[in-house]
Amino acid sequence: MPPISVLLKPSSSLCNMSCDYCFYCDEARKRSQPSYGFMSEQTLKNIIRKTMLSAEGAVSYVYQGGEPTLRELDFFQKAMAYQRQYNKNGIIVQNALQTNGLCLDEEWCSFLKENHFLVGLSVDGTGVVHDSLRHTRSGEGTFDKIMQAARLMDKFHVDYNILTVVTPRVAERIREIYRFYEKQGWRYQQYIACLDPLDEGHGENAYSLTPPVYGRFLIELFELWFQDWKSGVQPYIRQFDNLVGIAAGYVPESCDQRGSCSIQYVVEADGSVYPCDFYMMDEYRLGNFNEDLLEQIDEKRRETGFLERSHKLKQECVQCPHYKLCRGGCQRNRDYDPSTGLYGNYLCEGFRMFFDACGEKIYQIGKMYT
């Protein structure tokens, strides 16, 4: 078996914040059980035991939410113990944590540094923009506390990157946000297109992205990044680095930029397994780590045809001159056409705008790495 990728939800959909656009709150509301509470140590043990004994070469564990740190530090310390216990084949183990940062303190930071965690810290731009989108249930801002968490991780030399959800408010202020991140020394950034609620219409919420807004955002951000690239001081921006890799002939590490879904084990707090973080719904359930073998979970994935679905792109998409770079984007942003049985990306117009404006520069950089 190739390297294994596992994403765990230790706190299910429980969270100490109430973000306007939370896609997982939307998913949780649409299934028979919105929250599965906290993951038990026995479930954690079964997940790690079954994956580590089956993996070859490497295995990665990403802890996400909801807010995973609500499960508290002793749970994560137990995870490290189980990894040591079941690493019988000398495989490489990578751990990552995606967090809103509210629970991070010195004890947490010491643990994250000691165990070589890569942390994804959610920050949506400057204070005014961030607090308008990412707040507590009572509406209080969270930006100042997140900045404290970032400074603590700096103090303890924790490796972290910044995760920013792209909404219209972020998009229209991206120049200001880019310079703000630069001043903070945040060299590793990831910009994630905001998702509309699953199986609902597009553009019906204040946070919804439209294709033109997304296209203008990508162009402006890329031009800022490109100017810094020419001076050799550009930050790592995951989407752009993957695009340069594609232009140079390499396979991107990001599944949305490969244009086809990858094999993942996304695990709810009760041990239930799903094929993707964006599809943790009852109808997509593949099994349970407390009950099923890895082989049985994989067989269920094959039966559902989940991976194959991402290959069903409209012909105009495949024939587009930008297809080599675009690949049709993430399946979660694609809409199904019942007349053809194929999919097209809702954000297509935005991608066209971006690649029309910046594609030549992407290929220009890519040539330097071939």
Protein backbone atom coordinates (compact mmCIF):
# COMPACT_ATOMS: atom_id res chain seq x y z
CA MET A 1 0.00 0.00 0.00
CA PRO A 2 1.30 3.51 -0.85
CA PRO A 3 1.72 6.27 1.76
CA ILE A 4 -1.48 6.85 3.73
CA SER A 5 -3.17 10.19 4.42
CA VAL A 6 -5.46 10.39 7.46
CA LEU A 7 -7.51 13.40 8.55
CA LEU A 8 -9.04 13.10 12.01
CA LYS A 9 -11.85 15.06 13.69
CA PRO A 10 -11.03 14.63 17.42
CA SER A 11 -13.80 17.05 18.43
CA SER A 12 -16.20 16.33 15.56
CA SER A 13 -18.02 19.58 14.66
CA LEU A 14 -17.63 21.08 18.15
CA CYS A 15 -15.98 24.50 18.06
CA ASN A 16 -15.27 27.49 20.29
CA MET A 17 -15.88 29.88 17.41
CA SER A 18 -18.78 30.58 15.07
CA CYS A 19 -17.43 31.53 11.65
CA ASP A 20 -19.95 32.86 9.14
CA TYR A 21 -18.88 30.55 6.32
CA CYS A 22 -18.02 27.29 8.14
CA PHE A 23 -18.45 24.50 5.59
CA TYR A 24 -18.27 21.81 8.26
CA CYS A 25 -21.17 23.31 10.22
CA ASP A 26 -23.16 23.07 6.99
CA GLU A 27 -22.19 19.41 6.49
CA ALA A 28 -22.93 18.54 10.12
CA ARG A 29 -26.42 20.03 9.94
CA LYS A 30 -27.22 17.93 6.87
CA ARG A 31 -26.52 14.49 8.36
CA SER A 32 -28.45 12.37 10.83
CA GLN A 33 -26.05 13.19 13.68
CA PRO A 34 -24.54 16.69 13.58
CA SER A 35 -21.85 15.98 16.19
CA TYR A 36 -20.17 12.81 17.42
CA GLY A 37 -18.63 14.50 20.44
CA PHE A 38 -15.06 13.78 21.43
CA MET A 39 -13.07 10.91 19.89
CA SER A 40 -12.27 8.16 22.40
CA GLU A 41 -8.74 6.93 23.00
CA GLN A 42 -9.81 3.49 21.80
CA THR A 43 -10.95 4.93 18.47
CA LEU A 44 -7.70 6.86 18.18
CA LYS A 45 -5.76 3.69 18.88
CA ASN A 46 -7.66 1.71 16.23
CA ILE A 47 -7.08 4.42 13.61
CA ILE A 48 -3.35 4.63 14.25
CA ARG A 49 -2.86 0.88 14.60
CA LYS A 50 -4.65 -0.03 11.37
CA THR A 51 -3.08 2.72 9.27
CA MET A 52 0.48 2.43 10.55
CA LEU A 53 0.60 -1.34 10.18
CA SER A 54 -0.65 -1.02 6.57
CA ALA A 55 1.34 1.97 5.36
CA GLU A 56 4.49 1.71 3.29
CA GLY A 57 7.05 4.49 3.36
CA ALA A 58 5.04 7.20 5.06
CA VAL A 59 1.81 8.12 6.81
CA SER A 60 0.44 11.56 7.62
CA TYR A 61 -2.03 12.48 10.32
CA VAL A 62 -3.85 15.81 10.17
CA TYR A 63 -6.02 16.86 13.11
CA GLN A 64 -8.85 19.18 12.14
CA GLY A 65 -12.29 20.25 13.27
CA GLY A 66 -14.51 21.75 14.36
CA GLU A 67 -11.70 22.78 16.65
CA PRO A 68 -9.38 19.82 17.37
CA THR A 69 -7.63 21.40 20.37
CA LEU A 70 -10.89 21.18 22.34
CA ARG A 71 -9.99 17.49 22.78
CA GLU A 72 -7.12 18.77 24.95
CA LEU A 73 -3.44 17.98 25.02
CA ASP A 74 -3.45 14.58 26.70
CA PHE A 75 -5.31 13.12 23.72
CA PHE A 76 -2.54 14.26 21.36
CA GLN A 77 0.13 12.98 23.71
CA LYS A 78 -1.60 9.61 23.57
CA ALA A 79 -1.56 9.80 19.76
CA MET A 80 2.23 10.21 19.81
CA ALA A 81 2.51 7.19 22.12
CA TYR A 82 0.38 5.05 19.81
CA GLN A 83 2.46 6.12 16.81
CA ARG A 84 5.62 5.01 18.56
CA GLN A 85 3.99 1.76 19.62
CA TYR A 86 2.73 0.76 16.18
CA ASN A 87 5.53 2.01 13.95
CA LYS A 88 6.80 -1.52 13.39
CA ASN A 89 8.13 -0.90 9.88
CA GLY A 90 10.17 2.26 10.39
CA ILE A 91 7.89 4.43 8.29
CA ILE A 92 8.08 8.22 8.16
CA VAL A 93 5.31 9.84 10.22
CA GLN A 94 4.10 13.39 9.68
CA ASN A 95 1.71 15.21 11.99
CA ALA A 96 -0.22 18.40 11.33
CA LEU A 97 -2.81 20.43 13.19
CA GLN A 98 -5.30 22.89 11.72
CA THR A 99 -6.54 25.24 14.42
CA ASN A 100 -8.22 28.55 15.10
CA GLY A 101 -5.54 29.13 17.76
CA LEU A 102 -7.79 30.09 20.67
CA CYS A 103 -6.58 27.24 22.91
CA LEU A 104 -2.88 27.50 22.13
CA ASP A 105 -0.71 28.25 25.15
CA GLU A 106 2.90 27.60 26.11
CA GLU A 107 2.23 23.95 26.97
CA TRP A 108 0.61 23.38 23.60
CA CYS A 109 3.43 25.14 21.75
CA SER A 110 6.08 23.14 23.59
CA PHE A 111 4.30 19.91 22.58
CA LEU A 112 3.91 20.98 18.94
CA LYS A 113 7.59 21.89 18.66
CA GLU A 114 8.83 18.75 20.41
CA ASN A 115 6.75 16.50 18.16
CA HIS A 116 7.47 18.37 14.91
CA PHE A 117 3.87 19.31 14.12
CA LEU A 118 3.13 21.55 11.18
CA VAL A 119 0.37 23.92 12.26
CA GLY A 120 -2.15 25.58 9.98
CA LEU A 121 -3.39 28.72 11.75
CA SER A 122 -6.63 30.22 10.44
CA VAL A 123 -6.36 33.99 9.91
CA ASP A 124 -8.61 35.94 7.57
CA GLY A 125 -6.55 39.02 6.85
CA THR A 126 -6.32 42.12 9.00
CA GLY A 127 -8.18 42.55 12.27
CA VAL A 128 -11.25 44.28 10.86
CA VAL A 129 -11.78 41.69 8.12
CA HIS A 130 -10.97 38.72 10.34
CA ASP A 131 -13.31 39.73 13.17
CA SER A 132 -16.18 40.34 10.74
CA LEU A 133 -16.01 36.68 9.67
CA ARG A 134 -14.35 34.71 12.47
CA HIS A 135 -15.89 35.43 15.86
CA THR A 136 -17.26 33.75 18.96
CA ARG A 137 -20.88 32.65 19.28
CA SER A 138 -21.60 35.87 21.14
CA GLY A 139 -20.11 37.88 18.27
CA GLU A 140 -16.85 38.85 19.96
CA GLY A 141 -13.77 39.25 17.79
CA THR A 142 -10.98 36.67 17.91
CA PHE A 143 -8.17 38.41 16.01
CA ASP A 144 -6.19 39.60 19.03
CA LYS A 145 -6.16 36.12 20.55
CA ILE A 146 -5.06 34.60 17.24
CA MET A 147 -2.19 37.07 17.05
CA GLN A 148 -1.15 36.03 20.55
CA ALA A 149 -1.15 32.40 19.41
CA ALA A 150 1.06 33.27 16.42
CA ARG A 151 3.53 35.10 18.65
CA LEU A 152 3.64 32.14 21.03
CA MET A 153 4.42 29.77 18.15
CA ASP A 154 7.16 32.14 17.03
CA LYS A 155 8.59 32.09 20.55
CA PHE A 156 8.68 28.29 20.59
CA HIS A 157 9.82 28.02 16.93
CA VAL A 158 6.76 26.01 15.92
CA ASP A 159 6.46 25.51 12.16
CA TYR A 160 3.18 27.03 10.99
CA ASN A 161 1.50 28.47 7.96
CA ILE A 162 -1.43 30.82 7.58
CA LEU A 163 -4.75 29.52 6.24
CA THR A 164 -6.96 32.25 4.79
CA VAL A 165 -10.46 31.62 3.45
CA VAL A 166 -11.13 33.78 0.41
CA THR A 167 -14.43 35.62 0.75
CA PRO A 168 -15.40 38.85 -1.05
CA ARG A 169 -14.16 40.87 1.97
CA VAL A 170 -10.77 39.19 1.80
CA ALA A 171 -10.61 39.42 -2.00
CA GLU A 172 -11.23 43.15 -2.18
CA ARG A 173 -8.55 43.84 0.44
CA ILE A 174 -5.91 41.36 -0.68
CA ARG A 175 -3.22 44.01 -1.30
CA GLU A 176 -3.58 45.30 2.27
CA ILE A 177 -3.68 41.74 3.60
CA TYR A 178 -0.61 40.69 1.62
CA ARG A 179 1.41 43.57 3.05
CA PHE A 180 0.13 42.89 6.55
CA TYR A 181 1.21 39.23 6.33
CA GLU A 182 4.58 40.41 5.04
CA LYS A 183 5.04 42.62 8.11
CA GLN A 184 4.22 39.69 10.40
CA GLY A 185 6.90 37.56 8.72
CA TRP A 186 4.28 35.02 7.63
CA ARG A 187 6.19 33.38 4.80
CA TYR A 188 3.92 30.37 4.31
CA GLN A 189 0.40 31.06 3.15
CA GLN A 190 -2.57 29.16 1.82
CA TYR A 191 -5.64 30.81 0.33
CA ILE A 192 -8.77 28.65 0.25
CA ALA A 193 -11.75 29.56 -1.91
CA CYS A 194 -14.83 29.89 0.30
CA LEU A 195 -17.38 27.14 -0.30
CA ASP A 196 -21.08 27.60 -0.80
CA PRO A 197 -23.27 25.21 1.22
CA LEU A 198 -23.27 21.67 -0.18
CA ASP A 199 -25.92 20.95 -2.84
CA GLU A 200 -27.33 24.47 -2.63
CA GLY A 201 -27.21 27.37 -5.05
CA HIS A 202 -24.24 29.65 -5.57
CA GLY A 203 -23.87 33.26 -4.51
CA GLU A 204 -26.74 33.32 -2.03
CA ASN A 205 -24.72 34.33 1.05
CA ALA A 206 -22.73 37.43 1.93
CA TYR A 207 -19.57 35.33 2.09
CA SER A 208 -20.14 33.64 -1.29
CA LEU A 209 -17.49 34.04 -3.95
CA THR A 210 -18.49 34.84 -7.51
CA PRO A 211 -16.22 33.81 -10.40
CA PRO A 212 -15.30 37.40 -11.37
CA VAL A 213 -14.43 38.32 -7.78
CA TYR A 214 -12.28 35.22 -7.47
CA GLY A 215 -10.59 35.89 -10.80
CA ARG A 216 -9.67 39.45 -9.84
CA PHE A 217 -8.42 38.23 -6.46
CA LEU A 218 -6.10 35.64 -8.07
CA ILE A 219 -4.71 38.19 -10.53
CA GLU A 220 -4.00 40.81 -7.88
CA LEU A 221 -2.45 38.33 -5.44
CA PHE A 222 -0.32 36.76 -8.17
CA GLU A 223 0.99 40.12 -9.37
CA LEU A 224 2.02 40.99 -5.80
CA TRP A 225 3.70 37.62 -5.45
CA PHE A 226 5.33 37.87 -8.91
CA GLN A 227 6.89 41.24 -8.12
CA ASP A 228 8.40 39.73 -4.97
CA TRP A 229 9.48 36.65 -6.93
CA LYS A 230 11.50 38.84 -9.29
CA SER A 231 13.35 40.16 -6.22
CA GLY A 232 13.73 36.69 -4.70
CA VAL A 233 11.67 37.54 -1.61
CA GLN A 234 8.31 35.96 -2.45
CA PRO A 235 6.39 34.04 0.22
CA TYR A 236 5.40 30.43 -0.30
CA ILE A 237 1.81 30.48 -1.55
CA ARG A 238 0.66 26.93 -2.01
CA GLN A 239 -1.52 27.48 -5.07
CA PHE A 240 1.12 29.42 -6.98
CA ASP A 241 3.95 27.05 -6.10
CA ASN A 242 1.84 24.13 -7.30
CA LEU A 243 1.06 25.96 -10.55
CA VAL A 244 4.73 26.62 -11.19
CA GLY A 245 5.38 22.93 -10.57
CA ILE A 246 2.68 21.98 -13.08
CA ALA A 247 4.19 24.34 -15.65
CA ALA A 248 7.56 22.68 -15.04
CA GLY A 249 6.06 19.22 -15.62
CA TYR A 250 5.69 18.04 -12.02
CA VAL A 251 2.64 16.49 -10.38
CA PRO A 252 1.09 18.94 -7.88
CA GLU A 253 0.80 17.79 -4.27
CA SER A 254 -2.60 19.46 -3.87
CA CYS A 255 -5.49 17.24 -4.99
CA ASP A 256 -7.65 20.18 -6.11
CA GLN A 257 -4.86 21.22 -8.47
CA ARG A 258 -4.42 17.70 -9.77
CA GLY A 259 -8.06 17.89 -10.80
CA SER A 260 -8.83 14.43 -9.47
CA CYS A 261 -9.74 13.26 -6.00
CA SER A 262 -7.09 11.34 -4.06
CA ILE A 263 -7.32 8.44 -1.62
CA GLN A 264 -7.89 9.83 1.85
CA TYR A 265 -9.21 8.51 5.12
CA VAL A 266 -11.21 11.28 6.77
CA VAL A 267 -12.35 10.11 10.19
CA GLU A 268 -15.12 11.43 12.39
CA ALA A 269 -14.92 11.24 16.18
CA ASP A 270 -16.86 7.96 16.29
CA GLY A 271 -14.41 6.30 13.87
CA SER A 272 -16.58 6.62 10.76
CA VAL A 273 -14.58 7.07 7.55
CA TYR A 274 -15.35 9.33 4.58
CA PRO A 275 -13.50 9.88 1.29
CA CYS A 276 -13.02 13.65 1.65
CA ASP A 277 -13.37 16.41 4.23
CA PHE A 278 -15.85 18.14 1.91
CA TYR A 279 -18.15 15.11 1.76
CA MET A 280 -18.57 13.92 5.35
CA MET A 281 -22.24 13.10 4.83
CA ASP A 282 -24.19 9.95 5.67
CA GLU A 283 -24.41 8.86 2.04
CA TYR A 284 -20.61 9.00 1.63
CA ARG A 285 -19.71 6.94 4.70
CA LEU A 286 -17.20 4.17 3.83
CA GLY A 287 -17.05 2.26 7.11
CA ASN A 288 -15.67 2.62 10.62
CA PHE A 289 -12.16 2.07 11.97
CA ASN A 290 -13.63 0.43 15.07
CA GLU A 291 -15.38 -2.23 12.99
CA ASP A 292 -13.84 -2.56 9.54
CA LEU A 293 -10.51 -3.51 8.05
CA LEU A 294 -8.70 -1.02 5.85
CA GLU A 295 -9.32 -3.34 2.90
CA GLN A 296 -13.08 -3.21 3.52
CA ILE A 297 -13.04 0.59 3.64
CA ASP A 298 -11.09 0.72 0.39
CA GLU A 299 -13.50 -1.70 -1.27
CA LYS A 300 -16.43 0.50 -0.30
CA ARG A 301 -14.62 3.47 -1.85
CA ARG A 302 -14.25 1.52 -5.10
CA GLU A 303 -17.93 0.53 -5.03
CA THR A 304 -19.10 4.12 -4.68
CA GLY A 305 -16.98 5.35 -7.60
CA PHE A 306 -16.10 8.48 -5.64
CA LEU A 307 -12.65 8.87 -7.19
CA GLU A 308 -13.85 8.15 -10.71
CA ARG A 309 -16.48 10.88 -10.49
CA SER A 310 -13.77 13.55 -10.47
CA HIS A 311 -12.63 12.39 -13.92
CA LYS A 312 -15.98 13.25 -15.54
CA LEU A 313 -15.29 16.75 -16.84
CA LYS A 314 -17.13 18.55 -19.60
CA GLN A 315 -15.42 18.44 -22.98
CA GLU A 316 -15.14 22.23 -23.17
CA CYS A 317 -13.20 22.06 -19.93
CA VAL A 318 -10.80 19.36 -21.14
CA GLN A 319 -10.32 21.18 -24.46
CA CYS A 320 -9.68 24.57 -22.81
CA PRO A 321 -6.20 26.01 -23.49
CA HIS A 322 -5.78 26.49 -19.74
CA TYR A 323 -6.64 22.91 -18.82
CA LYS A 324 -3.00 21.95 -18.23
CA LEU A 325 -2.81 24.45 -15.39
CA CYS A 326 -6.40 24.40 -14.19
CA ARG A 327 -7.24 20.64 -14.34
CA GLY A 328 -10.88 21.48 -13.68
CA GLY A 329 -10.31 22.52 -10.09
CA CYS A 330 -11.73 20.92 -6.96
CA GLN A 331 -14.66 18.52 -7.34
CA ARG A 332 -16.47 20.33 -4.51
CA ASN A 333 -16.71 23.44 -6.72
CA ARG A 334 -18.05 21.53 -9.71
CA ASP A 335 -21.69 21.40 -10.79
CA TYR A 336 -23.31 18.33 -12.32
CA ASP A 337 -24.98 18.50 -15.72
CA PRO A 338 -27.63 15.73 -15.83
CA SER A 339 -27.97 16.00 -19.60
CA THR A 340 -24.36 14.86 -20.12
CA GLY A 341 -23.46 13.19 -16.84
CA LEU A 342 -20.41 15.47 -16.66
CA TYR A 343 -19.20 18.28 -14.37
CA GLY A 344 -18.06 21.86 -14.84
CA ASN A 345 -16.39 24.13 -12.29
CA TYR A 346 -18.53 26.99 -10.98
CA LEU A 347 -15.42 29.19 -10.68
CA CYS A 348 -14.36 28.53 -14.30
CA GLU A 349 -14.75 32.15 -15.41
CA GLY A 350 -12.49 33.28 -12.57
CA PHE A 351 -9.83 30.75 -13.51
CA ARG A 352 -10.00 31.86 -17.17
CA MET A 353 -9.50 35.48 -16.13
CA PHE A 354 -6.52 34.49 -14.02
CA PHE A 355 -4.78 32.30 -16.56
CA ASP A 356 -5.47 34.74 -19.41
CA ALA A 357 -3.72 37.42 -17.38
CA CYS A 358 -1.00 35.43 -15.62
CA GLY A 359 -0.58 32.09 -17.38
CA GLU A 360 2.37 33.22 -19.48
CA LYS A 361 4.25 34.34 -16.37
CA ILE A 362 3.54 31.02 -14.66
CA TYR A 363 5.04 29.14 -17.61
CA GLN A 364 7.96 31.57 -17.66
CA ILE A 365 8.81 30.67 -14.05
CA GLY A 366 8.15 26.99 -14.67
CA LYS A 367 10.78 26.88 -17.42
CA MET A 368 13.40 27.76 -14.83
CA TYR A 369 12.69 24.51 -12.96
CA THR A 370 12.57 22.06 -15.87
